[in-house]
N, C-alpha and C. Protein backbone atom coordinates (compact mmCIF):
# COMPACT_ATOMS: atom_id res chain seq x y z
N MET A 1 21.88 -39.30 174.02
CA MET A 1 23.00 -39.78 173.25
C MET A 1 24.11 -40.23 174.18
N ASP A 2 24.78 -41.27 173.77
CA ASP A 2 25.92 -41.76 174.54
C ASP A 2 27.18 -41.04 174.11
N VAL A 3 28.09 -40.85 175.05
CA VAL A 3 29.38 -40.25 174.75
C VAL A 3 30.45 -41.29 175.02
N ILE A 4 31.34 -41.49 174.08
CA ILE A 4 32.46 -42.39 174.25
C ILE A 4 33.69 -41.54 174.50
N LYS A 5 34.35 -41.75 175.61
CA LYS A 5 35.52 -40.93 175.94
C LYS A 5 36.65 -41.19 174.96
N ALA A 6 37.37 -40.15 174.64
CA ALA A 6 38.48 -40.23 173.69
C ALA A 6 39.75 -40.67 174.40
N SER A 7 40.60 -41.34 173.65
CA SER A 7 41.94 -41.62 174.16
C SER A 7 42.85 -40.50 173.69
N PRO A 8 44.01 -40.32 174.29
CA PRO A 8 44.91 -39.22 173.89
C PRO A 8 45.38 -39.32 172.44
N THR A 9 45.31 -40.52 171.85
CA THR A 9 45.80 -40.68 170.48
C THR A 9 44.71 -40.48 169.42
N ASP A 10 43.47 -40.31 169.84
CA ASP A 10 42.38 -40.12 168.87
C ASP A 10 42.56 -38.83 168.09
N LYS A 11 42.33 -38.93 166.79
CA LYS A 11 42.40 -37.75 165.94
C LYS A 11 41.06 -37.49 165.26
N ILE A 12 40.06 -38.30 165.59
CA ILE A 12 38.74 -38.14 164.98
C ILE A 12 37.69 -38.23 166.06
N PRO A 13 36.81 -37.22 166.21
CA PRO A 13 35.60 -37.46 166.99
C PRO A 13 34.70 -38.32 166.10
N TYR A 14 34.24 -39.44 166.61
CA TYR A 14 33.49 -40.36 165.78
C TYR A 14 31.99 -40.23 166.01
N LEU A 15 31.25 -40.16 164.94
CA LEU A 15 29.81 -40.35 164.98
C LEU A 15 29.59 -41.77 164.50
N THR A 16 28.73 -42.52 165.16
CA THR A 16 28.44 -43.86 164.66
C THR A 16 26.97 -43.92 164.26
N THR A 17 26.64 -44.89 163.43
CA THR A 17 25.26 -45.03 162.99
C THR A 17 24.47 -45.93 163.90
N SER A 18 25.06 -46.39 165.00
CA SER A 18 24.33 -47.25 165.93
C SER A 18 23.86 -46.44 167.12
N GLY A 19 22.96 -47.02 167.89
CA GLY A 19 22.52 -46.39 169.12
C GLY A 19 21.48 -45.31 168.85
N ALA A 20 21.18 -44.56 169.88
CA ALA A 20 20.17 -43.51 169.79
C ALA A 20 20.84 -42.21 169.38
N GLY A 21 20.71 -41.83 168.16
CA GLY A 21 21.34 -40.59 167.69
C GLY A 21 22.78 -40.84 167.33
N ALA A 22 23.66 -40.01 167.83
CA ALA A 22 25.07 -40.10 167.46
C ALA A 22 25.92 -40.34 168.70
N ASN A 23 26.94 -41.15 168.58
CA ASN A 23 27.91 -41.35 169.65
C ASN A 23 29.16 -40.57 169.27
N LEU A 24 29.62 -39.73 170.16
CA LEU A 24 30.80 -38.93 169.86
C LEU A 24 31.98 -39.47 170.64
N ARG A 25 33.06 -39.73 169.94
CA ARG A 25 34.26 -40.26 170.61
C ARG A 25 35.07 -39.06 171.08
N ALA A 26 34.53 -38.39 172.04
CA ALA A 26 35.19 -37.25 172.66
C ALA A 26 34.41 -36.94 173.94
N GLU A 27 35.09 -36.45 174.94
CA GLU A 27 34.42 -36.18 176.20
C GLU A 27 33.63 -34.88 176.07
N ALA A 28 32.35 -34.93 176.39
CA ALA A 28 31.48 -33.76 176.24
C ALA A 28 31.53 -32.88 177.49
N ARG A 29 31.47 -31.61 177.27
CA ARG A 29 31.33 -30.64 178.35
C ARG A 29 30.22 -29.69 177.96
N THR A 30 29.61 -29.08 178.93
CA THR A 30 28.49 -28.20 178.64
C THR A 30 28.79 -26.78 179.08
N GLY A 31 27.83 -25.89 178.81
CA GLY A 31 27.94 -24.53 179.29
C GLY A 31 28.62 -23.60 178.31
N SER A 32 29.25 -22.56 178.87
CA SER A 32 29.83 -21.51 178.03
C SER A 32 31.10 -21.94 177.31
N GLU A 33 31.60 -23.14 177.61
CA GLU A 33 32.81 -23.60 176.92
C GLU A 33 32.62 -23.66 175.41
N ALA A 34 31.39 -23.91 174.97
CA ALA A 34 31.13 -24.05 173.54
C ALA A 34 31.51 -22.80 172.77
N SER A 35 31.39 -21.64 173.39
CA SER A 35 31.72 -20.40 172.69
C SER A 35 33.22 -20.23 172.48
N THR A 36 34.03 -21.04 173.14
CA THR A 36 35.48 -20.87 173.03
C THR A 36 36.03 -21.32 171.69
N LEU A 37 35.23 -22.02 170.87
CA LEU A 37 35.70 -22.45 169.56
C LEU A 37 35.58 -21.36 168.50
N GLN A 38 34.78 -20.34 168.79
CA GLN A 38 34.62 -19.28 167.81
C GLN A 38 35.96 -18.61 167.54
N GLY A 39 36.28 -18.51 166.28
CA GLY A 39 37.51 -17.85 165.89
C GLY A 39 38.74 -18.75 165.92
N LYS A 40 38.60 -19.98 166.41
CA LYS A 40 39.76 -20.88 166.42
C LYS A 40 39.93 -21.50 165.05
N ARG A 41 41.18 -21.73 164.68
CA ARG A 41 41.49 -22.30 163.38
C ARG A 41 41.36 -23.81 163.38
N SER A 42 41.13 -24.36 162.21
CA SER A 42 41.04 -25.81 162.06
C SER A 42 42.42 -26.37 161.71
N THR A 43 42.51 -27.71 161.70
CA THR A 43 43.76 -28.37 161.37
C THR A 43 43.50 -29.60 160.50
N LEU A 44 44.38 -29.84 159.55
CA LEU A 44 44.28 -31.03 158.71
C LEU A 44 44.67 -32.29 159.48
N GLY A 45 45.15 -32.12 160.71
CA GLY A 45 45.53 -33.26 161.53
C GLY A 45 44.36 -33.99 162.15
N THR A 46 43.15 -33.43 162.05
CA THR A 46 41.97 -34.08 162.62
C THR A 46 40.82 -34.03 161.61
N SER A 47 39.84 -34.90 161.85
CA SER A 47 38.65 -34.97 161.00
C SER A 47 37.45 -35.29 161.86
N LEU A 48 36.29 -34.94 161.36
CA LEU A 48 35.03 -35.39 161.94
C LEU A 48 34.48 -36.42 160.97
N ALA A 49 34.18 -37.62 161.46
CA ALA A 49 33.81 -38.71 160.57
C ALA A 49 32.67 -39.54 161.12
N VAL A 50 31.95 -40.18 160.22
CA VAL A 50 30.92 -41.17 160.57
C VAL A 50 31.56 -42.54 160.44
N LEU A 51 31.37 -43.36 161.46
CA LEU A 51 31.84 -44.76 161.40
C LEU A 51 30.63 -45.67 161.31
N PRO A 52 30.67 -46.65 160.42
CA PRO A 52 29.60 -47.62 160.40
C PRO A 52 29.67 -48.48 161.67
N ASP A 53 28.52 -49.05 162.06
CA ASP A 53 28.54 -49.92 163.23
C ASP A 53 29.15 -51.27 162.84
N GLY A 54 29.12 -52.20 163.74
CA GLY A 54 29.79 -53.48 163.54
C GLY A 54 29.28 -54.34 162.42
N LYS A 55 28.06 -54.08 161.95
CA LYS A 55 27.48 -54.89 160.88
C LYS A 55 28.28 -54.69 159.59
N GLY A 56 28.95 -55.73 159.15
CA GLY A 56 29.74 -55.64 157.93
C GLY A 56 31.15 -55.13 158.13
N TRP A 57 31.49 -54.71 159.35
CA TRP A 57 32.82 -54.14 159.62
C TRP A 57 33.92 -55.11 159.24
N ASP A 58 33.78 -56.40 159.63
CA ASP A 58 34.83 -57.39 159.37
C ASP A 58 35.12 -57.55 157.88
N VAL A 59 34.06 -57.61 157.08
CA VAL A 59 34.24 -57.76 155.63
C VAL A 59 34.98 -56.55 155.06
N VAL A 60 34.56 -55.36 155.47
CA VAL A 60 35.21 -54.14 155.00
C VAL A 60 36.68 -54.13 155.40
N GLN A 61 36.97 -54.49 156.64
CA GLN A 61 38.36 -54.47 157.10
C GLN A 61 39.22 -55.50 156.38
N LYS A 62 38.67 -56.68 156.09
CA LYS A 62 39.44 -57.69 155.35
C LYS A 62 39.82 -57.17 153.96
N ILE A 63 38.89 -56.50 153.31
CA ILE A 63 39.17 -55.92 151.99
C ILE A 63 40.21 -54.81 152.13
N ARG A 64 40.02 -53.94 153.11
CA ARG A 64 40.95 -52.82 153.29
C ARG A 64 42.36 -53.29 153.64
N GLN A 65 42.49 -54.37 154.40
CA GLN A 65 43.82 -54.86 154.76
C GLN A 65 44.63 -55.25 153.54
N VAL A 66 43.95 -55.67 152.49
CA VAL A 66 44.65 -56.06 151.26
C VAL A 66 44.84 -54.87 150.31
N HIS A 67 43.84 -53.98 150.24
CA HIS A 67 43.83 -52.98 149.18
C HIS A 67 43.97 -51.51 149.62
N ASP A 68 43.83 -51.21 150.91
CA ASP A 68 43.85 -49.81 151.34
C ASP A 68 45.13 -49.51 152.13
N ARG A 69 45.99 -48.68 151.57
CA ARG A 69 47.25 -48.35 152.23
C ARG A 69 47.04 -47.55 153.53
N GLN A 70 45.83 -47.06 153.77
CA GLN A 70 45.53 -46.28 154.97
C GLN A 70 44.84 -47.12 156.07
N VAL A 71 44.77 -48.43 155.89
CA VAL A 71 44.03 -49.29 156.83
C VAL A 71 44.53 -49.17 158.26
N ASP A 72 45.82 -48.95 158.45
CA ASP A 72 46.37 -48.82 159.80
C ASP A 72 46.26 -47.40 160.35
N LYS A 73 45.93 -46.46 159.51
CA LYS A 73 45.83 -45.06 159.93
C LYS A 73 44.41 -44.71 160.40
N TRP A 74 43.40 -45.20 159.68
CA TRP A 74 42.00 -44.86 159.95
C TRP A 74 41.14 -46.11 160.01
N PRO A 75 40.11 -46.11 160.83
CA PRO A 75 39.11 -47.17 160.75
C PRO A 75 38.21 -46.89 159.53
N PRO A 76 37.34 -47.81 159.16
CA PRO A 76 36.38 -47.50 158.09
C PRO A 76 35.57 -46.26 158.48
N HIS A 77 35.47 -45.30 157.57
CA HIS A 77 34.82 -44.03 157.93
C HIS A 77 34.34 -43.27 156.69
N LEU A 78 33.42 -42.34 156.95
CA LEU A 78 33.00 -41.34 155.96
C LEU A 78 33.31 -39.99 156.60
N ILE A 79 34.23 -39.26 156.05
CA ILE A 79 34.61 -37.96 156.62
C ILE A 79 33.49 -36.95 156.37
N LEU A 80 33.14 -36.23 157.43
CA LEU A 80 32.19 -35.13 157.31
C LEU A 80 32.92 -33.81 157.14
N LEU A 81 33.95 -33.61 157.95
CA LEU A 81 34.75 -32.38 157.87
C LEU A 81 36.23 -32.70 158.02
N ARG A 82 37.00 -32.19 157.11
CA ARG A 82 38.46 -32.23 157.20
C ARG A 82 38.96 -31.04 156.43
N PRO A 83 39.60 -30.12 157.08
CA PRO A 83 40.12 -30.10 158.43
C PRO A 83 39.00 -30.02 159.48
N PHE A 84 39.41 -30.31 160.74
CA PHE A 84 38.48 -30.19 161.85
C PHE A 84 39.19 -29.43 162.97
N VAL A 85 38.57 -29.36 164.14
CA VAL A 85 39.16 -28.62 165.26
C VAL A 85 40.35 -29.37 165.82
N ARG A 86 41.18 -28.67 166.54
CA ARG A 86 42.36 -29.28 167.16
C ARG A 86 41.93 -30.25 168.27
N GLY A 87 42.75 -31.26 168.51
CA GLY A 87 42.44 -32.28 169.50
C GLY A 87 42.08 -31.74 170.86
N GLU A 88 42.76 -30.69 171.29
CA GLU A 88 42.47 -30.13 172.61
C GLU A 88 41.09 -29.48 172.67
N ASP A 89 40.45 -29.28 171.51
CA ASP A 89 39.11 -28.69 171.47
C ASP A 89 38.01 -29.73 171.26
N PHE A 90 38.36 -31.03 171.25
CA PHE A 90 37.35 -32.07 171.03
C PHE A 90 36.22 -32.03 172.06
N ALA A 91 36.55 -31.78 173.31
CA ALA A 91 35.51 -31.78 174.35
C ALA A 91 34.46 -30.71 174.07
N VAL A 92 34.92 -29.52 173.73
CA VAL A 92 33.98 -28.44 173.42
C VAL A 92 33.23 -28.74 172.13
N ALA A 93 33.94 -29.25 171.14
CA ALA A 93 33.30 -29.59 169.87
C ALA A 93 32.22 -30.65 170.06
N SER A 94 32.50 -31.64 170.91
CA SER A 94 31.50 -32.68 171.13
C SER A 94 30.26 -32.11 171.82
N SER A 95 30.44 -31.14 172.70
CA SER A 95 29.28 -30.49 173.33
C SER A 95 28.41 -29.82 172.28
N LEU A 96 29.05 -29.12 171.37
CA LEU A 96 28.30 -28.45 170.30
C LEU A 96 27.57 -29.46 169.42
N LEU A 97 28.26 -30.55 169.07
CA LEU A 97 27.64 -31.57 168.23
C LEU A 97 26.49 -32.27 168.96
N LEU A 98 26.69 -32.62 170.22
CA LEU A 98 25.64 -33.28 170.99
C LEU A 98 24.38 -32.42 171.03
N GLU A 99 24.55 -31.14 171.25
CA GLU A 99 23.42 -30.22 171.32
C GLU A 99 22.73 -30.12 169.96
N ALA A 100 23.51 -29.94 168.91
CA ALA A 100 22.94 -29.76 167.57
C ALA A 100 22.27 -31.02 167.05
N LEU A 101 22.79 -32.18 167.41
CA LEU A 101 22.27 -33.44 166.87
C LEU A 101 21.33 -34.16 167.83
N GLU A 102 20.90 -33.47 168.86
CA GLU A 102 20.09 -34.09 169.90
C GLU A 102 18.86 -34.82 169.35
N GLY A 103 18.19 -34.27 168.40
CA GLY A 103 16.99 -34.89 167.86
C GLY A 103 17.24 -35.79 166.67
N THR A 104 18.48 -35.99 166.30
CA THR A 104 18.81 -36.79 165.13
C THR A 104 18.52 -38.26 165.39
N GLU A 105 17.75 -38.85 164.50
CA GLU A 105 17.42 -40.27 164.62
C GLU A 105 18.55 -41.11 164.03
N PRO A 106 18.75 -42.31 164.60
CA PRO A 106 19.73 -43.22 164.00
C PRO A 106 19.27 -43.58 162.58
N PHE A 107 20.21 -43.91 161.74
CA PHE A 107 19.85 -44.30 160.39
C PHE A 107 20.74 -45.43 159.93
N GLU A 108 20.24 -46.17 158.97
CA GLU A 108 21.01 -47.27 158.41
C GLU A 108 21.71 -46.79 157.16
N LEU A 109 23.00 -47.11 157.06
CA LEU A 109 23.75 -46.76 155.87
C LEU A 109 23.56 -47.86 154.82
N ARG A 110 23.00 -47.49 153.70
CA ARG A 110 22.90 -48.38 152.55
C ARG A 110 23.90 -47.85 151.55
N MET A 111 24.84 -48.71 151.16
CA MET A 111 25.94 -48.23 150.32
C MET A 111 26.13 -49.14 149.12
N GLU A 112 26.73 -48.56 148.08
CA GLU A 112 27.07 -49.35 146.90
C GLU A 112 28.49 -49.04 146.47
N LEU A 113 29.07 -49.99 145.75
CA LEU A 113 30.43 -49.83 145.25
C LEU A 113 30.49 -48.88 144.07
N THR A 114 31.53 -48.08 144.03
CA THR A 114 31.77 -47.22 142.89
C THR A 114 33.28 -47.08 142.69
N VAL A 115 33.67 -46.76 141.48
CA VAL A 115 35.07 -46.56 141.15
C VAL A 115 35.32 -45.07 140.96
N LYS A 116 36.30 -44.55 141.66
CA LYS A 116 36.72 -43.16 141.52
C LYS A 116 38.05 -43.16 140.76
N VAL A 117 38.04 -42.59 139.55
CA VAL A 117 39.24 -42.57 138.71
C VAL A 117 39.94 -41.22 138.88
N TYR A 118 41.23 -41.27 139.19
CA TYR A 118 42.02 -40.04 139.35
C TYR A 118 42.75 -39.71 138.05
N HIS A 119 43.37 -40.69 137.45
CA HIS A 119 44.00 -40.57 136.14
C HIS A 119 44.26 -41.99 135.65
N ASN A 120 44.90 -42.17 134.51
CA ASN A 120 45.00 -43.50 133.91
C ASN A 120 45.86 -44.48 134.71
N ARG A 121 46.55 -44.03 135.76
CA ARG A 121 47.36 -44.93 136.57
C ARG A 121 46.92 -44.96 138.04
N SER A 122 45.70 -44.52 138.32
CA SER A 122 45.25 -44.50 139.71
C SER A 122 43.73 -44.46 139.80
N ALA A 123 43.19 -45.38 140.58
CA ALA A 123 41.75 -45.40 140.83
C ALA A 123 41.52 -45.95 142.24
N SER A 124 40.41 -45.59 142.83
CA SER A 124 40.03 -46.11 144.14
C SER A 124 38.66 -46.75 144.01
N VAL A 125 38.39 -47.68 144.91
CA VAL A 125 37.05 -48.25 145.03
C VAL A 125 36.47 -47.72 146.32
N TRP A 126 35.29 -47.16 146.20
CA TRP A 126 34.59 -46.56 147.33
C TRP A 126 33.27 -47.27 147.56
N LEU A 127 32.82 -47.25 148.81
CA LEU A 127 31.43 -47.51 149.14
C LEU A 127 30.81 -46.13 149.33
N VAL A 128 29.74 -45.84 148.60
CA VAL A 128 29.08 -44.54 148.72
C VAL A 128 27.64 -44.75 149.19
N PRO A 129 27.19 -43.88 150.10
CA PRO A 129 25.81 -43.98 150.54
C PRO A 129 24.86 -43.68 149.38
N VAL A 130 23.75 -44.40 149.34
CA VAL A 130 22.77 -44.19 148.28
C VAL A 130 21.40 -43.93 148.89
N GLY A 131 20.56 -43.26 148.10
CA GLY A 131 19.18 -43.01 148.51
C GLY A 131 19.08 -42.21 149.79
N GLU A 132 18.22 -42.66 150.69
CA GLU A 132 17.98 -41.96 151.94
C GLU A 132 19.25 -41.90 152.80
N SER A 133 20.09 -42.94 152.71
CA SER A 133 21.36 -42.93 153.45
C SER A 133 22.21 -41.74 153.04
N ARG A 134 22.30 -41.50 151.76
CA ARG A 134 23.09 -40.36 151.25
C ARG A 134 22.52 -39.05 151.80
N ASP A 135 21.21 -38.92 151.76
CA ASP A 135 20.57 -37.71 152.27
C ASP A 135 20.90 -37.49 153.75
N CYS A 136 20.87 -38.57 154.54
CA CYS A 136 21.18 -38.46 155.96
C CYS A 136 22.62 -38.01 156.19
N VAL A 137 23.55 -38.59 155.44
CA VAL A 137 24.96 -38.22 155.59
C VAL A 137 25.17 -36.77 155.15
N LEU A 138 24.55 -36.38 154.05
CA LEU A 138 24.69 -34.99 153.59
C LEU A 138 24.10 -34.02 154.60
N GLU A 139 23.00 -34.39 155.24
CA GLU A 139 22.42 -33.54 156.28
C GLU A 139 23.36 -33.42 157.48
N LEU A 140 23.97 -34.53 157.90
CA LEU A 140 24.95 -34.48 158.99
C LEU A 140 26.11 -33.57 158.63
N GLN A 141 26.59 -33.71 157.39
CA GLN A 141 27.72 -32.89 156.95
C GLN A 141 27.33 -31.41 156.95
N ALA A 142 26.14 -31.10 156.48
CA ALA A 142 25.68 -29.70 156.45
C ALA A 142 25.55 -29.14 157.86
N GLN A 143 25.03 -29.94 158.79
CA GLN A 143 24.92 -29.49 160.18
C GLN A 143 26.30 -29.26 160.78
N ALA A 144 27.22 -30.17 160.53
CA ALA A 144 28.58 -30.02 161.06
C ALA A 144 29.25 -28.78 160.47
N ALA A 145 29.06 -28.55 159.18
CA ALA A 145 29.66 -27.38 158.54
C ALA A 145 29.08 -26.09 159.10
N GLU A 146 27.81 -26.12 159.47
CA GLU A 146 27.19 -24.93 160.06
C GLU A 146 27.75 -24.65 161.46
N ILE A 147 27.99 -25.70 162.22
CA ILE A 147 28.51 -25.56 163.58
C ILE A 147 29.98 -25.14 163.55
N PHE A 148 30.73 -25.67 162.59
CA PHE A 148 32.18 -25.44 162.50
C PHE A 148 32.54 -24.81 161.15
N PRO A 149 32.12 -23.57 160.91
CA PRO A 149 32.39 -22.96 159.61
C PRO A 149 33.88 -22.81 159.31
N GLN A 150 34.71 -22.75 160.34
CA GLN A 150 36.15 -22.63 160.14
C GLN A 150 36.75 -23.92 159.56
N CYS A 151 35.96 -24.99 159.52
CA CYS A 151 36.45 -26.28 159.04
C CYS A 151 35.98 -26.58 157.61
N VAL A 152 35.38 -25.61 156.96
CA VAL A 152 34.89 -25.80 155.59
C VAL A 152 35.81 -25.06 154.64
N ARG A 153 36.26 -25.75 153.63
CA ARG A 153 37.14 -25.14 152.62
C ARG A 153 36.30 -24.42 151.57
N ARG A 154 35.76 -23.31 151.94
CA ARG A 154 34.89 -22.56 151.03
C ARG A 154 35.67 -21.98 149.86
N GLY A 155 35.03 -21.98 148.69
CA GLY A 155 35.66 -21.40 147.52
C GLY A 155 36.80 -22.22 146.98
N SER A 156 36.94 -23.44 147.46
CA SER A 156 38.05 -24.28 147.02
C SER A 156 37.54 -25.41 146.15
N LYS A 157 38.25 -25.69 145.08
CA LYS A 157 37.90 -26.83 144.24
C LYS A 157 38.13 -28.13 145.00
N LEU A 158 38.95 -28.07 146.05
CA LEU A 158 39.21 -29.26 146.86
C LEU A 158 37.96 -29.69 147.63
N PHE A 159 37.06 -28.74 147.92
CA PHE A 159 35.89 -29.08 148.71
C PHE A 159 34.71 -29.37 147.80
N ASP A 160 34.69 -30.57 147.30
CA ASP A 160 33.57 -31.08 146.53
C ASP A 160 33.14 -32.32 147.28
N TYR A 161 32.29 -32.15 148.28
CA TYR A 161 32.00 -33.21 149.23
C TYR A 161 31.26 -34.38 148.59
N THR A 162 31.89 -35.53 148.63
CA THR A 162 31.29 -36.78 148.21
C THR A 162 31.47 -37.77 149.35
N PRO A 163 30.39 -38.08 150.07
CA PRO A 163 30.56 -39.02 151.17
C PRO A 163 30.96 -40.39 150.63
N HIS A 164 31.99 -40.98 151.24
CA HIS A 164 32.46 -42.28 150.77
C HIS A 164 33.31 -42.96 151.84
N LEU A 165 33.39 -44.27 151.73
CA LEU A 165 34.25 -45.09 152.56
C LEU A 165 35.20 -45.79 151.60
N THR A 166 36.47 -45.51 151.72
CA THR A 166 37.46 -46.07 150.79
C THR A 166 37.73 -47.53 151.14
N LEU A 167 37.63 -48.38 150.12
CA LEU A 167 37.97 -49.80 150.28
C LEU A 167 39.40 -50.08 149.82
N GLY A 168 39.89 -49.32 148.84
CA GLY A 168 41.24 -49.56 148.39
C GLY A 168 41.64 -48.73 147.19
N GLN A 169 42.93 -48.77 146.91
CA GLN A 169 43.50 -48.06 145.77
C GLN A 169 44.00 -49.10 144.76
N PHE A 170 43.90 -48.75 143.48
CA PHE A 170 44.26 -49.67 142.40
C PHE A 170 45.08 -48.94 141.35
N PRO A 171 45.91 -49.69 140.60
CA PRO A 171 46.81 -49.05 139.63
C PRO A 171 46.12 -48.53 138.37
N SER A 172 44.87 -48.93 138.17
CA SER A 172 44.15 -48.46 136.98
C SER A 172 42.65 -48.61 137.18
N GLU A 173 41.89 -47.94 136.33
CA GLU A 173 40.44 -48.08 136.37
C GLU A 173 40.02 -49.52 136.08
N SER A 174 40.67 -50.17 135.12
CA SER A 174 40.29 -51.55 134.78
C SER A 174 40.55 -52.50 135.96
N ALA A 175 41.64 -52.32 136.68
CA ALA A 175 41.91 -53.16 137.86
C ALA A 175 40.84 -52.94 138.93
N ALA A 176 40.44 -51.69 139.12
CA ALA A 176 39.40 -51.37 140.10
C ALA A 176 38.07 -52.00 139.69
N ARG A 177 37.74 -51.93 138.40
CA ARG A 177 36.47 -52.50 137.92
C ARG A 177 36.46 -54.04 138.03
N VAL A 178 37.59 -54.68 137.80
CA VAL A 178 37.69 -56.14 137.99
C VAL A 178 37.44 -56.47 139.46
N PHE A 179 38.06 -55.71 140.35
CA PHE A 179 37.84 -55.92 141.78
C PHE A 179 36.37 -55.78 142.13
N VAL A 180 35.72 -54.72 141.65
CA VAL A 180 34.30 -54.50 141.94
C VAL A 180 33.47 -55.68 141.44
N ALA A 181 33.76 -56.18 140.25
CA ALA A 181 33.02 -57.32 139.71
C ALA A 181 33.19 -58.56 140.60
N LEU A 182 34.38 -58.73 141.18
CA LEU A 182 34.64 -59.89 142.01
C LEU A 182 33.96 -59.82 143.39
N VAL A 183 33.84 -58.62 143.94
CA VAL A 183 33.29 -58.49 145.29
C VAL A 183 31.88 -57.91 145.34
N GLN A 184 31.28 -57.65 144.21
CA GLN A 184 29.99 -56.98 144.14
C GLN A 184 28.97 -57.56 145.12
N ASP A 185 28.90 -58.86 145.22
CA ASP A 185 27.91 -59.47 146.10
C ASP A 185 28.32 -59.41 147.56
C-alpha cells in the first residue's frame, strides 16, 4: 500500500479507492507506537473517510460548488468514523490501518442518487454506494470501528451509519427531487 504524507492542515486520514488497497493520507510508523492509541479519546475535529478517485471527481465538485455549503471544508468523501483520533495521532493510526487493511483489495464505488429528508424545510442529495460497493464500504467501516473503538458512538441514536457522499443541501424535499431528476444521468 502507498502512503501519502499528511500536511499540517489535514484533518482527515484519507482512504482512496484507487491503487493497491488503501492509500492513507498520514505518515505511517511501525512498531510499538500502535499501542499508544489505546485509551486515547477521539475528537469531532477529525474524521476517517473514503475518497473516490479522480474518475467523476470534476462532475461531483461542480455540483457541490453550487449546492453544498461544505464544499470548501471537505473534499468529496464518505465518512467511516467521526469522531476520529486527534491529528497528532494520525501517524500511529495510519500504521494500525495499514496493518489491518493489508489484504484489502481495491474496489470500485458504484453509487446512486438518493434524497435524505430532515424535515419539511430541509433535504440533502446524497450519492450512496449500492450493491457490492456498499458491502465493501460497510466492511471498511466495521474494520475501522474495530481498530478504533473509542471513535464509535455506541448506544447513540446519532450513530446510524449510512455511507454517503453529500452533493448538496436543498430547502425542501421537492427541490431535492427536482435536482435529482435533472442530474440523474
